[in-house]
C-alpha atoms as a PDB file:
ATOM      1  CA  MET A   1     -77.931 -40.664 -57.328  1.00  0.00           C
ATOM      2  CA  THR A   2     -76.305 -40.413 -60.716  1.00  0.00           C
ATOM      3  CA  SER A   3     -72.566 -40.612 -61.231  1.00  0.00           C
ATOM      4  CA  VAL A   4     -72.519 -36.918 -62.114  1.00  0.00           C
ATOM      5  CA  ASP A   5     -74.159 -35.960 -58.809  1.00  0.00           C
ATOM      6  CA  ALA A   6     -71.726 -38.120 -56.895  1.00  0.00           C
ATOM      7  CA  LYS A   7     -68.792 -36.451 -58.594  1.00  0.00           C
ATOM      8  CA  VAL A   8     -70.110 -32.949 -57.802  1.00  0.00           C
ATOM      9  CA  GLN A   9     -70.681 -33.885 -54.153  1.00  0.00           C
ATOM     10  CA  LYS A  10     -67.182 -35.260 -53.876  1.00  0.00           C
ATOM     11  CA  GLU A  11     -65.697 -32.049 -55.269  1.00  0.00           C
ATOM     12  CA  ASN A  12     -67.735 -29.953 -52.812  1.00  0.00           C
ATOM     13  CA  LEU A  13     -66.524 -32.025 -49.866  1.00  0.00           C
ATOM     14  CA  SER A  14     -62.928 -31.638 -50.996  1.00  0.00           C
ATOM     15  CA  SER A  15     -63.337 -27.865 -51.172  1.00  0.00           C
ATOM     16  CA  ILE A  16     -64.755 -27.748 -47.691  1.00  0.00           C
ATOM     17  CA  HIS A  17     -61.848 -29.799 -46.332  1.00  0.00           C
ATOM     18  CA  ARG A  18     -59.343 -27.470 -47.956  1.00  0.00           C
ATOM     19  CA  LEU A  19     -61.046 -24.448 -46.444  1.00  0.00           C
ATOM     20  CA  VAL A  20     -61.069 -26.063 -43.007  1.00  0.00           C
ATOM     21  CA  GLU A  21     -57.376 -26.938 -43.262  1.00  0.00           C
ATOM     22  CA  GLN A  22     -56.347 -23.500 -44.516  1.00  0.00           C
ATOM     23  CA  GLU A  23     -58.270 -21.487 -41.940  1.00  0.00           C
ATOM     24  CA  PRO A  24     -56.240 -22.587 -38.870  1.00  0.00           C
ATOM     25  CA  LYS A  25     -53.027 -21.991 -40.770  1.00  0.00           C
ATOM     26  CA  SER A  26     -54.038 -18.523 -41.746  1.00  0.00           C
ATOM     27  CA  GLY A  27     -55.166 -17.914 -38.199  1.00  0.00           C
ATOM     28  CA  LYS A  28     -51.840 -19.151 -36.930  1.00  0.00           C
ATOM     29  CA  LEU A  29     -50.021 -16.853 -39.284  1.00  0.00           C
ATOM     30  CA  ASN A  30     -52.146 -13.964 -38.152  1.00  0.00           C
ATOM     31  CA  ASN A  31     -51.457 -14.841 -34.522  1.00  0.00           C
ATOM     32  CA  ASN A  32     -47.705 -15.007 -35.166  1.00  0.00           C
ATOM     33  CA  LYS A  33     -47.773 -11.605 -36.782  1.00  0.00           C
ATOM     34  CA  ALA A  34     -49.700 -10.193 -33.860  1.00  0.00           C
ATOM     35  CA  SER A  35     -47.267 -11.782 -31.362  1.00  0.00           C
ATOM     36  CA  LYS A  36     -44.295 -10.297 -33.174  1.00  0.00           C
ATOM     37  CA  ARG A  37     -45.887  -6.869 -33.087  1.00  0.00           C
ATOM     38  CA  LEU A  38     -46.570  -7.235 -29.356  1.00  0.00           C
ATOM     39  CA  ARG A  39     -43.022  -8.419 -28.667  1.00  0.00           C
ATOM     40  CA  SER A  40     -41.558  -5.533 -30.633  1.00  0.00           C
ATOM     41  CA  ARG A  41     -43.708  -3.153 -28.623  1.00  0.00           C
ATOM     42  CA  TRP A  42     -42.397  -4.633 -25.346  1.00  0.00           C
ATOM     43  CA  ILE A  43     -38.729  -5.119 -26.292  1.00  0.00           C
ATOM     44  CA  LEU A  44     -37.938  -1.458 -26.861  1.00  0.00           C
ATOM     45  CA  PRO A  45     -39.375  -0.237 -23.531  1.00  0.00           C
ATOM     46  CA  SER A  46     -37.687  -3.146 -21.705  1.00  0.00           C
ATOM     47  CA  VAL A  47     -34.285  -2.269 -23.173  1.00  0.00           C
ATOM     48  CA  ALA A  48     -34.766   1.363 -22.211  1.00  0.00           C
ATOM     49  CA  VAL A  49     -35.722   0.425 -18.645  1.00  0.00           C
ATOM     50  CA  LEU A  50     -32.714  -1.907 -18.370  1.00  0.00           C
ATOM     51  CA  ALA A  51     -30.341   0.787 -19.647  1.00  0.00           C
ATOM     52  CA  ALA A  52     -31.756   3.324 -17.219  1.00  0.00           C
ATOM     53  CA  GLY A  53     -31.374   0.860 -14.361  1.00  0.00           C
ATOM     54  CA  LEU A  54     -27.760   0.178 -15.259  1.00  0.00           C
ATOM     55  CA  LEU A  55     -27.000   3.894 -15.380  1.00  0.00           C
ATOM     56  CA  LEU A  56     -28.615   4.420 -11.987  1.00  0.00           C
ATOM     57  CA  PHE A  57     -26.681   1.487 -10.512  1.00  0.00           C
ATOM     58  CA  ALA A  58     -23.414   2.828 -11.902  1.00  0.00           C
ATOM     59  CA  ALA A  59     -24.123   6.272 -10.462  1.00  0.00           C
ATOM     60  CA  LEU A  60     -24.915   4.899  -7.017  1.00  0.00           C
ATOM     61  CA  THR A  61     -22.001   2.475  -6.857  1.00  0.00           C
ATOM     62  CA  SER A  62     -19.587   5.113  -8.057  1.00  0.00           C
ATOM     63  CA  LEU A  63     -20.440   7.075  -4.945  1.00  0.00           C
ATOM     64  CA  THR A  64     -20.486   4.166  -2.540  1.00  0.00           C
ATOM     65  CA  GLY A  65     -19.872   0.518  -3.313  1.00  0.00           C
ATOM     66  CA  LEU A  66     -17.723   0.769  -6.412  1.00  0.00           C
ATOM     67  CA  ALA A  67     -15.417   3.292  -4.799  1.00  0.00           C
ATOM     68  CA  GLY A  68     -15.033   0.992  -1.819  1.00  0.00           C
ATOM     69  CA  PHE A  69     -14.353  -1.941  -4.116  1.00  0.00           C
ATOM     70  CA  PHE A  70     -11.680   0.054  -5.955  1.00  0.00           C
ATOM     71  CA  ASN A  71     -10.097   0.994  -2.650  1.00  0.00           C
ATOM     72  CA  ARG A  72      -9.950  -2.646  -1.594  1.00  0.00           C
ATOM     73  CA  ASP A  73      -8.660  -3.605  -5.029  1.00  0.00           C
ATOM     74  CA  VAL A  74      -5.717  -1.193  -4.715  1.00  0.00           C
ATOM     75  CA  ALA A  75      -4.863  -2.500  -1.250  1.00  0.00           C
ATOM     76  CA  TYR A  76      -5.156  -6.143  -2.339  1.00  0.00           C
ATOM     77  CA  ALA A  77      -2.926  -5.481  -5.367  1.00  0.00           C
ATOM     78  CA  MET A  78      -0.346  -3.975  -3.012  1.00  0.00           C
ATOM     79  CA  GLU A  79      -0.553  -6.959  -0.653  1.00  0.00           C
ATOM     80  CA  LYS A  80      -0.062  -9.352  -3.574  1.00  0.00           C
ATOM     81  CA  ALA A  81       2.927  -7.384  -4.898  1.00  0.00           C
ATOM     82  CA  VAL A  82       4.562  -7.242  -1.455  1.00  0.00           C
ATOM     83  CA  ALA A  83       4.023 -10.992  -0.990  1.00  0.00           C
ATOM     84  CA  GLN A  84       5.989 -11.586  -4.201  1.00  0.00           C
ATOM     85  CA  LEU A  85       8.821  -9.328  -3.013  1.00  0.00           C
ATOM     86  CA  ALA A  86      11.789 -11.548  -2.182  1.00  0.00           C
ATOM     87  CA  ASN A  87      14.247  -8.706  -1.594  1.00  0.00           C
ATOM     88  CA  TYR A  88      14.909  -5.086  -2.529  1.00  0.00           C
ATOM     89  CA  HIS A  89      17.548  -2.394  -2.598  1.00  0.00           C
ATOM     90  CA  GLY A  90      16.775   1.301  -2.497  1.00  0.00           C
ATOM     91  CA  VAL A  91      17.543   4.800  -1.341  1.00  0.00           C
ATOM     92  CA  LEU A  92      15.134   6.205   1.238  1.00  0.00           C
ATOM     93  CA  GLU A  93      14.804   9.925   1.843  1.00  0.00           C
ATOM     94  CA  ILE A  94      13.347  11.090   5.163  1.00  0.00           C
ATOM     95  CA  ARG A  95      12.013  14.625   5.436  1.00  0.00           C
ATOM     96  CA  SER A  96      10.456  16.372   8.426  1.00  0.00           C
ATOM     97  CA  LYS A  97       7.988  19.249   8.674  1.00  0.00           C
ATOM     98  CA  ASN A  98       6.876  21.216  11.710  1.00  0.00           C
ATOM     99  CA  ALA A  99       3.521  22.817  12.474  1.00  0.00           C
ATOM    100  CA  ALA A 100       4.716  26.123  10.985  1.00  0.00           C
ATOM    101  CA  GLY A 101       5.185  24.433   7.609  1.00  0.00           C
ATOM    102  CA  GLU A 102       8.986  24.491   7.722  1.00  0.00           C
ATOM    103  CA  GLU A 103      10.437  21.425   6.010  1.00  0.00           C
ATOM    104  CA  TRP A 104      13.947  19.974   6.037  1.00  0.00           C
ATOM    105  CA  MET A 105      15.854  16.837   5.109  1.00  0.00           C
ATOM    106  CA  SER A 106      16.363  14.613   8.158  1.00  0.00           C
ATOM    107  CA  ARG A 107      18.493  12.009   6.460  1.00  0.00           C
ATOM    108  CA  ARG A 108      19.017   9.925   3.346  1.00  0.00           C
ATOM    109  CA  VAL A 109      19.861   6.234   3.699  1.00  0.00           C
ATOM    110  CA  GLU A 110      20.703   3.331   1.441  1.00  0.00           C
ATOM    111  CA  LEU A 111      19.134   0.054   2.428  1.00  0.00           C
ATOM    112  CA  TRP A 112      19.094  -3.624   1.545  1.00  0.00           C
ATOM    113  CA  SER A 113      16.358  -6.040   2.617  1.00  0.00           C
ATOM    114  CA  ASP A 114      16.252  -9.803   2.105  1.00  0.00           C
ATOM    115  CA  GLY A 115      13.580 -11.625   4.085  1.00  0.00           C
ATOM    116  CA  ASP A 116      14.314 -11.073   7.785  1.00  0.00           C
ATOM    117  CA  LYS A 117      17.730  -9.580   7.064  1.00  0.00           C
ATOM    118  CA  TYR A 118      18.432  -5.928   6.413  1.00  0.00           C
ATOM    119  CA  ALA A 119      21.239  -3.386   6.272  1.00  0.00           C
ATOM    120  CA  VAL A 120      20.969   0.418   6.462  1.00  0.00           C
ATOM    121  CA  ARG A 121      23.798   2.820   5.611  1.00  0.00           C
ATOM    122  CA  GLN A 122      23.651   6.451   6.712  1.00  0.00           C
ATOM    123  CA  ASP A 123      25.138   9.423   4.857  1.00  0.00           C
ATOM    124  CA  ASP A 124      28.184   9.437   7.154  1.00  0.00           C
ATOM    125  CA  GLY A 125      28.927   5.779   6.399  1.00  0.00           C
ATOM    126  CA  THR A 126      27.489   4.371   9.626  1.00  0.00           C
ATOM    127  CA  MET A 127      25.967   1.022   8.744  1.00  0.00           C
ATOM    128  CA  THR A 128      23.493  -0.979  10.833  1.00  0.00           C
ATOM    129  CA  VAL A 129      23.044  -4.657   9.961  1.00  0.00           C
ATOM    130  CA  ASN A 130      20.627  -7.271  11.271  1.00  0.00           C
ATOM    131  CA  ASN A 131      21.011 -10.774   9.802  1.00  0.00           C
ATOM    132  CA  GLY A 132      18.388 -12.359  12.038  1.00  0.00           C
ATOM    133  CA  GLU A 133      20.979 -13.846  14.372  1.00  0.00           C
ATOM    134  CA  ARG A 134      23.037 -10.796  15.251  1.00  0.00           C
ATOM    135  CA  LYS A 135      22.758  -7.043  15.023  1.00  0.00           C
ATOM    136  CA  TRP A 136      25.694  -4.675  14.816  1.00  0.00           C
ATOM    137  CA  GLN A 137      26.648  -1.161  13.791  1.00  0.00           C
ATOM    138  CA  VAL A 138      29.808  -0.264  11.885  1.00  0.00           C
ATOM    139  CA  ARG A 139      31.075   3.253  12.692  1.00  0.00           C
ATOM    140  CA  PRO A 140      33.828   4.408  10.315  1.00  0.00           C
ATOM    141  CA  GLN A 141      34.452   7.708  12.130  1.00  0.00           C
ATOM    142  CA  SER A 142      35.375   6.035  15.415  1.00  0.00           C
ATOM    143  CA  LYS A 143      36.518   2.763  13.810  1.00  0.00           C
ATOM    144  CA  GLU A 144      34.184   0.747  16.000  1.00  0.00           C
ATOM    145  CA  VAL A 145      31.832  -2.170  15.537  1.00  0.00           C
ATOM    146  CA  ALA A 146      29.128  -2.012  18.206  1.00  0.00           C
ATOM    147  CA  LEU A 147      27.150  -5.153  18.975  1.00  0.00           C
ATOM    148  CA  LEU A 148      23.498  -4.237  19.522  1.00  0.00           C
ATOM    149  CA  PRO A 149      20.493  -6.087  20.941  1.00  0.00           C
ATOM    150  CA  LEU A 150      18.190  -7.674  18.369  1.00  0.00           C
ATOM    151  CA  VAL A 151      15.181  -6.058  20.051  1.00  0.00           C
ATOM    152  CA  PRO A 152      13.885  -3.449  20.083  1.00  0.00           C
ATOM    153  CA  ASP A 153      14.694  -2.806  16.453  1.00  0.00           C
ATOM    154  CA  PRO A 154      13.533   0.673  15.385  1.00  0.00           C
ATOM    155  CA  SER A 155      15.917   0.767  12.420  1.00  0.00           C
ATOM    156  CA  ARG A 156      13.730  -1.699  10.529  1.00  0.00           C
ATOM    157  CA  HIS A 157      10.406   0.006  10.994  1.00  0.00           C
ATOM    158  CA  ASP A 158      10.934   3.438   9.483  1.00  0.00           C
ATOM    159  CA  PHE A 159       9.058   2.393   6.350  1.00  0.00           C
ATOM    160  CA  ASP A 160       8.606  -1.375   6.283  1.00  0.00           C
ATOM    161  CA  LEU A 161       6.763  -2.382   3.119  1.00  0.00           C
ATOM    162  CA  ARG A 162       5.222  -5.524   4.568  1.00  0.00           C
ATOM    163  CA  ASP A 163       3.940  -3.766   7.669  1.00  0.00           C
ATOM    164  CA  GLU A 164       2.443  -0.903   5.679  1.00  0.00           C
ATOM    165  CA  SER A 165       0.698  -3.323   3.316  1.00  0.00           C
ATOM    166  CA  LYS A 166      -0.908  -5.156   6.245  1.00  0.00           C
ATOM    167  CA  ARG A 167      -2.044  -1.929   7.886  1.00  0.00           C
ATOM    168  CA  ALA A 168      -3.625  -0.642   4.684  1.00  0.00           C
ATOM    169  CA  LEU A 169      -5.833  -3.739   4.511  1.00  0.00           C
ATOM    170  CA  GLN A 170      -6.689  -3.729   8.197  1.00  0.00           C
ATOM    171  CA  TYR A 171      -7.567  -0.041   8.447  1.00  0.00           C
ATOM    172  CA  SER A 172     -10.206   2.019   6.691  1.00  0.00           C
ATOM    173  CA  HIS A 173      -8.681   3.621   3.587  1.00  0.00           C
ATOM    174  CA  THR A 174      -9.750   5.750   0.644  1.00  0.00           C
ATOM    175  CA  VAL A 175      -8.146   6.580  -2.705  1.00  0.00           C
ATOM    176  CA  VAL A 176      -7.806  10.368  -2.751  1.00  0.00           C
ATOM    177  CA  GLY A 177      -5.941  10.876  -6.013  1.00  0.00           C
ATOM    178  CA  THR A 178      -2.761  10.220  -7.962  1.00  0.00           C
ATOM    179  CA  GLU A 179       0.585  12.025  -7.817  1.00  0.00           C
ATOM    180  CA  MET A 180       4.059  11.807  -9.281  1.00  0.00           C
ATOM    181  CA  ILE A 181       6.472  10.484  -6.627  1.00  0.00           C
ATOM    182  CA  ALA A 182      10.171  10.422  -7.538  1.00  0.00           C
ATOM    183  CA  GLY A 183       9.240  10.348 -11.225  1.00  0.00           C
ATOM    184  CA  ARG A 184       6.659   7.556 -10.842  1.00  0.00           C
ATOM    185  CA  GLN A 185       2.879   7.705 -11.073  1.00  0.00           C
ATOM    186  CA  ALA A 186       1.455   6.710  -7.690  1.00  0.00           C
ATOM    187  CA  THR A 187      -1.993   6.227  -6.154  1.00  0.00           C
ATOM    188  CA  LYS A 188      -2.498   8.138  -2.918  1.00  0.00           C
ATOM    189  CA  LEU A 189      -4.309   6.346  -0.077  1.00  0.00           C
ATOM    190  CA  GLU A 190      -5.739   8.086   2.962  1.00  0.00           C
ATOM    191  CA  ILE A 191      -5.584   5.614   5.850  1.00  0.00           C
ATOM    192  CA  SER A 192      -7.618   6.033   9.032  1.00  0.00           C
ATOM    193  CA  PRO A 193      -6.554   3.782  11.929  1.00  0.00           C
ATOM    194  CA  PRO A 194      -9.305   3.176  14.489  1.00  0.00           C
ATOM    195  CA  GLY A 195      -8.822   5.702  17.249  1.00  0.00           C
ATOM    196  CA  GLY A 196      -5.716   7.089  15.534  1.00  0.00           C
ATOM    197  CA  LEU A 197      -4.719   9.955  13.262  1.00  0.00           C
ATOM    198  CA  VAL A 198      -5.037   9.901   9.484  1.00  0.00           C
ATOM    199  CA  TYR A 199      -1.866   9.261   7.496  1.00  0.00           C
ATOM    200  CA  TYR A 200      -1.075   8.767   3.791  1.00  0.00           C
ATOM    201  CA  LEU A 201       0.504   6.048   1.686  1.00  0.00           C
ATOM    202  CA  TRP A 202       1.469   6.269  -1.995  1.00  0.00           C
ATOM    203  CA  ILE A 203       1.487   3.112  -4.159  1.00  0.00           C
ATOM    204  CA  ASP A 204       3.465   2.818  -7.397  1.00  0.00           C
ATOM    205  CA  ALA A 205       0.942   2.362 -10.230  1.00  0.00           C
ATOM    206  CA  GLU A 206       3.337   0.116 -12.162  1.00  0.00           C
ATOM    207  CA  THR A 207       4.682  -2.189  -9.434  1.00  0.00           C
ATOM    208  CA  ASN A 208       1.822  -1.847  -6.876  1.00  0.00           C
ATOM    209  CA  LEU A 209       4.484  -1.393  -4.183  1.00  0.00           C
ATOM    210  CA  PRO A 210       4.489   1.398  -1.566  1.00  0.00           C
ATOM    211  CA  VAL A 211       6.842   4.244  -2.512  1.00  0.00           C
ATOM    212  CA  GLN A 212       6.021   6.963   0.013  1.00  0.00           C
ATOM    213  CA  LEU A 213       4.646   7.219   3.542  1.00  0.00           C
ATOM    214  CA  GLN A 214       3.592  10.393   5.331  1.00  0.00           C
ATOM    215  CA  THR A 215       2.845  10.220   9.034  1.00  0.00           C
ATOM    216  CA  ALA A 216       0.263  12.308  10.847  1.00  0.00           C
ATOM    217  CA  MET A 217       1.378  15.529  12.525  1.00  0.00           C
ATOM    218  CA  GLN A 218       2.342  14.484  16.062  1.00  0.00           C
ATOM    219  CA  ASN A 219       3.993  16.709  18.642  1.00  0.00           C
ATOM    220  CA  ALA A 220       4.159  19.406  15.963  1.00  0.00           C
ATOM    221  CA  LEU A 221       6.244  17.143  13.707  1.00  0.00           C
ATOM    222  CA  GLN A 222       5.377  15.233  10.542  1.00  0.00           C
ATOM    223  CA  THR A 223       7.702  12.801   8.761  1.00  0.00           C
ATOM    224  CA  THR A 224       7.660  11.750   5.103  1.00  0.00           C
ATOM    225  CA  TYR A 225       9.537   8.678   3.872  1.00  0.00           C
ATOM    226  CA  THR A 226      10.162   8.490   0.116  1.00  0.00           C
ATOM    227  CA  TYR A 227      11.930   5.851  -1.943  1.00  0.00           C
ATOM    228  CA  VAL A 228      13.791   8.025  -4.439  1.00  0.00           C
ATOM    229  CA  SER A 229      15.335   4.834  -5.821  1.00  0.00           C
ATOM    230  CA  PHE A 230      13.931   1.327  -5.584  1.00  0.00           C
ATOM    231  CA  GLU A 231      14.974  -2.036  -7.071  1.00  0.00           C
ATOM    232  CA  PRO A 232      12.651  -4.957  -6.232  1.00  0.00           C
ATOM    233  CA  ASN A 233      13.758  -8.595  -6.517  1.00  0.00           C
ATOM    234  CA  THR A 234      17.335  -7.756  -7.392  1.00  0.00           C
ATOM    235  CA  GLN A 235      20.755  -9.310  -6.808  1.00  0.00           C
ATOM    236  CA  ILE A 236      22.067  -8.541  -3.303  1.00  0.00           C
ATOM    237  CA  ASP A 237      25.581  -9.422  -2.218  1.00  0.00           C
ATOM    238  CA  PRO A 238      25.253 -11.941   0.676  1.00  0.00           C
ATOM    239  CA  GLY A 239      28.384 -10.443   2.200  1.00  0.00           C
ATOM    240  CA  ILE A 240      26.383  -7.385   3.234  1.00  0.00           C
ATOM    241  CA  PHE A 241      24.700  -9.474   5.941  1.00  0.00           C
ATOM    242  CA  ALA A 242      27.855 -11.305   7.068  1.00  0.00           C
ATOM    243  CA  TYR A 243      29.382 -10.295  10.380  1.00  0.00           C
ATOM    244  CA  GLN A 244      32.945  -9.380   9.428  1.00  0.00           C
ATOM    245  CA  PRO A 245      34.437  -6.504  11.457  1.00  0.00           C
ATOM    246  CA  PRO A 246      36.784  -4.464   9.244  1.00  0.00           C
ATOM    247  CA  GLU A 247      40.464  -4.752   9.992  1.00  0.00           C
ATOM    248  CA  GLY A 248      41.639  -2.224  12.574  1.00  0.00           C
ATOM    249  CA  TYR A 249      38.144  -1.697  14.044  1.00  0.00           C
ATOM    250  CA  GLN A 250      37.467  -2.190  17.753  1.00  0.00           C
ATOM    251  CA  VAL A 251      34.539  -4.441  18.637  1.00  0.00           C
ATOM    252  CA  VAL A 252      32.417  -2.943  21.421  1.00  0.00           C
ATOM    253  CA  GLU A 253      30.471  -5.802  22.968  1.00  0.00           C
ATOM    254  CA  LYS A 254      28.900  -3.881  25.850  1.00  0.00           C
ATOM    255  CA  GLU A 255      27.665  -0.841  23.994  1.00  0.00           C
ATOM    256  CA  PRO A 256      26.513   1.836  26.477  1.00  0.00           C
ATOM    257  CA  GLY A 257      24.444   3.559  23.805  1.00  0.00           C
ATOM    258  CA  GLN A 258      22.959   3.138  20.362  1.00  0.00           C
ATOM    259  CA  LEU A 259      23.257   5.684  17.570  1.00  0.00           C
ATOM    260  CA  VAL A 260      19.924   6.829  16.198  1.00  0.00           C
ATOM    261  CA  ALA A 261      19.062   9.351  13.523  1.00  0.00           C
ATOM    262  CA  THR A 262      15.732  10.625  14.807  1.00  0.00           C
ATOM    263  CA  VAL A 263      14.007  11.316  18.094  1.00  0.00           C
ATOM    264  CA  GLU A 264      11.326   8.823  17.035  1.00  0.00           C
ATOM    265  CA  GLU A 265      13.930   6.044  17.045  1.00  0.00           C
ATOM    266  CA  ALA A 266      15.124   7.082  20.499  1.00  0.00           C
ATOM    267  CA  ALA A 267      11.533   7.065  21.761  1.00  0.00           C
ATOM    268  CA  ALA A 268      10.948   3.598  20.265  1.00  0.00           C
ATOM    269  CA  ILE A 269      14.027   2.193  21.995  1.00  0.00           C
ATOM    270  CA  SER A 270      13.367   3.825  25.365  1.00  0.00           C
ATOM    271  CA  GLN A 271       9.553   3.569  25.306  1.00  0.00           C
ATOM    272  CA  LEU A 272       9.519   7.197  26.520  1.00  0.00           C
ATOM    273  CA  THR A 273       8.684  10.499  24.820  1.00  0.00           C
ATOM    274  CA  PRO A 274      11.635  12.867  25.170  1.00  0.00           C
ATOM    275  CA  LEU A 275      11.267  16.633  25.501  1.00  0.00           C
ATOM    276  CA  LEU A 276      12.897  18.327  22.537  1.00  0.00           C
ATOM    277  CA  PRO A 277      15.198  21.372  22.551  1.00  0.00           C
ATOM    278  CA  GLN A 278      14.235  24.416  20.509  1.00  0.00           C
ATOM    279  CA  GLU A 279      16.891  23.640  17.898  1.00  0.00           C
ATOM    280  CA  ALA A 280      17.362  19.996  17.031  1.00  0.00           C
ATOM    281  CA  PRO A 281      20.947  18.775  16.532  1.00  0.00           C
ATOM    282  CA  GLY A 282      22.080  16.891  13.480  1.00  0.00           C
ATOM    283  CA  ARG A 283      22.277  13.475  15.181  1.00  0.00           C
ATOM    284  CA  TRP A 284      21.379  11.913  18.494  1.00  0.00           C
ATOM    285  CA  LYS A 285      23.049   9.176  20.442  1.00  0.00           C
ATOM    286  CA  PHE A 286      20.811   7.325  22.835  1.00  0.00           C
ATOM    287  CA  GLY A 287      22.775   6.409  25.929  1.00  0.00           C
ATOM    288  CA  GLY A 288      20.194   4.274  27.697  1.00  0.00           C
ATOM    289  CA  LYS A 289      17.819   4.821  30.590  1.00  0.00           C
ATOM    290  CA  GLY A 290      18.868   5.782  34.079  1.00  0.00           C
ATOM    291  CA  CYS A 291      16.919   5.614  37.305  1.00  0.00           C
ATOM    292  CA  GLY A 292      17.411   7.581  40.494  1.00  0.00           C
ATOM    293  CA  GLY A 293      15.371   9.443  43.043  1.00  0.00           C
ATOM    294  CA  GLY A 294      12.183   7.812  41.743  1.00  0.00           C
ATOM    295  CA  ARG A 295      12.752   9.150  38.233  1.00  0.00           C
ATOM    296  CA  THR A 296      13.530   7.564  34.890  1.00  0.00           C
ATOM    297  CA  ALA A 297      15.585   9.588  32.434  1.00  0.00           C
ATOM    298  CA  LEU A 298      16.873   9.196  28.914  1.00  0.00           C
ATOM    299  CA  LYS A 299      20.567   9.661  28.263  1.00  0.00           C
ATOM    300  CA  PHE A 300      21.383  11.497  25.040  1.00  0.00           C
ATOM    301  CA  ARG A 301      24.608  12.563  23.440  1.00  0.00           C
ATOM    302  CA  LEU A 302      24.264  15.333  20.892  1.00  0.00           C
ATOM    303  CA  LYS A 303      26.403  15.720  17.829  1.00  0.00           C
ATOM    304  CA  GLY A 304      27.081  19.276  16.789  1.00  0.00           C
ATOM    305  CA  ARG A 305      29.878  20.971  14.893  1.00  0.00           C
ATOM    306  CA  GLY A 306      32.354  20.136  17.634  1.00  0.00           C
ATOM    307  CA  GLY A 307      31.458  16.434  17.663  1.00  0.00           C
ATOM    308  CA  TRP A 308      29.643  14.388  20.302  1.00  0.00           C
ATOM    309  CA  SER A 309      28.911  16.013  23.621  1.00  0.00           C
END
């Protein structure tokens, strides 16, 4: 073989090697292009399916699970806010409504609460105080200070924020809307106790604290408690809870009766359901329970225009 032939053969072999090396690369490039086209074809349908699934999930949960989660979230926010409540001062308005739809103001009280201690002042100046060790009632009209038993204590449970927060979590509840209560935006909860009647609780949207409670209609009477003024975690004068009978007042240690503002309070003290007259008086005075002839009776004194009777 001549040198020329050897050179030609070498060049041919080099060309073949280049072709062999280039062919896989071009094939790889072609495969990559094909893969990209396939992926692009699959990505768009997958995104559409995912979006549709998310929309369906949102629609279903909005009717069931998400609504329940929101309900729980509102109740948990209230529980957290109440747990951070060291004390409060407010004005509570109590209104009553009968089965005929007639509504009237039962009373309006100013109250102070600090842990286990509380004080409640009625419109006529009567003030009930419980400092955890002693309970008494200051009566300016008769210039008396009546010492009362610590239990039962219906004065505390008209609208106790901590109790209502616990009940809302324990019982089935549903958010049924929002309303303006005493100038504040509030979330309305419908609460269904097991085996009991539905009642409603309004929660301040800003503070997450209860601002209004409406009981169920019972014995043709429904009661609504509304905080028309409320100051959480404020400065409270410790002297409010100090037992200091005013000068010139008589201390009544063996009080034959306890002043109450509503029939519900009298029923809570006596553990009996009293029969009501056709026209309710302005105030009641519970005089205790009496027994005789196999019967148990409640003793009431009624306050009308002529005073107590």
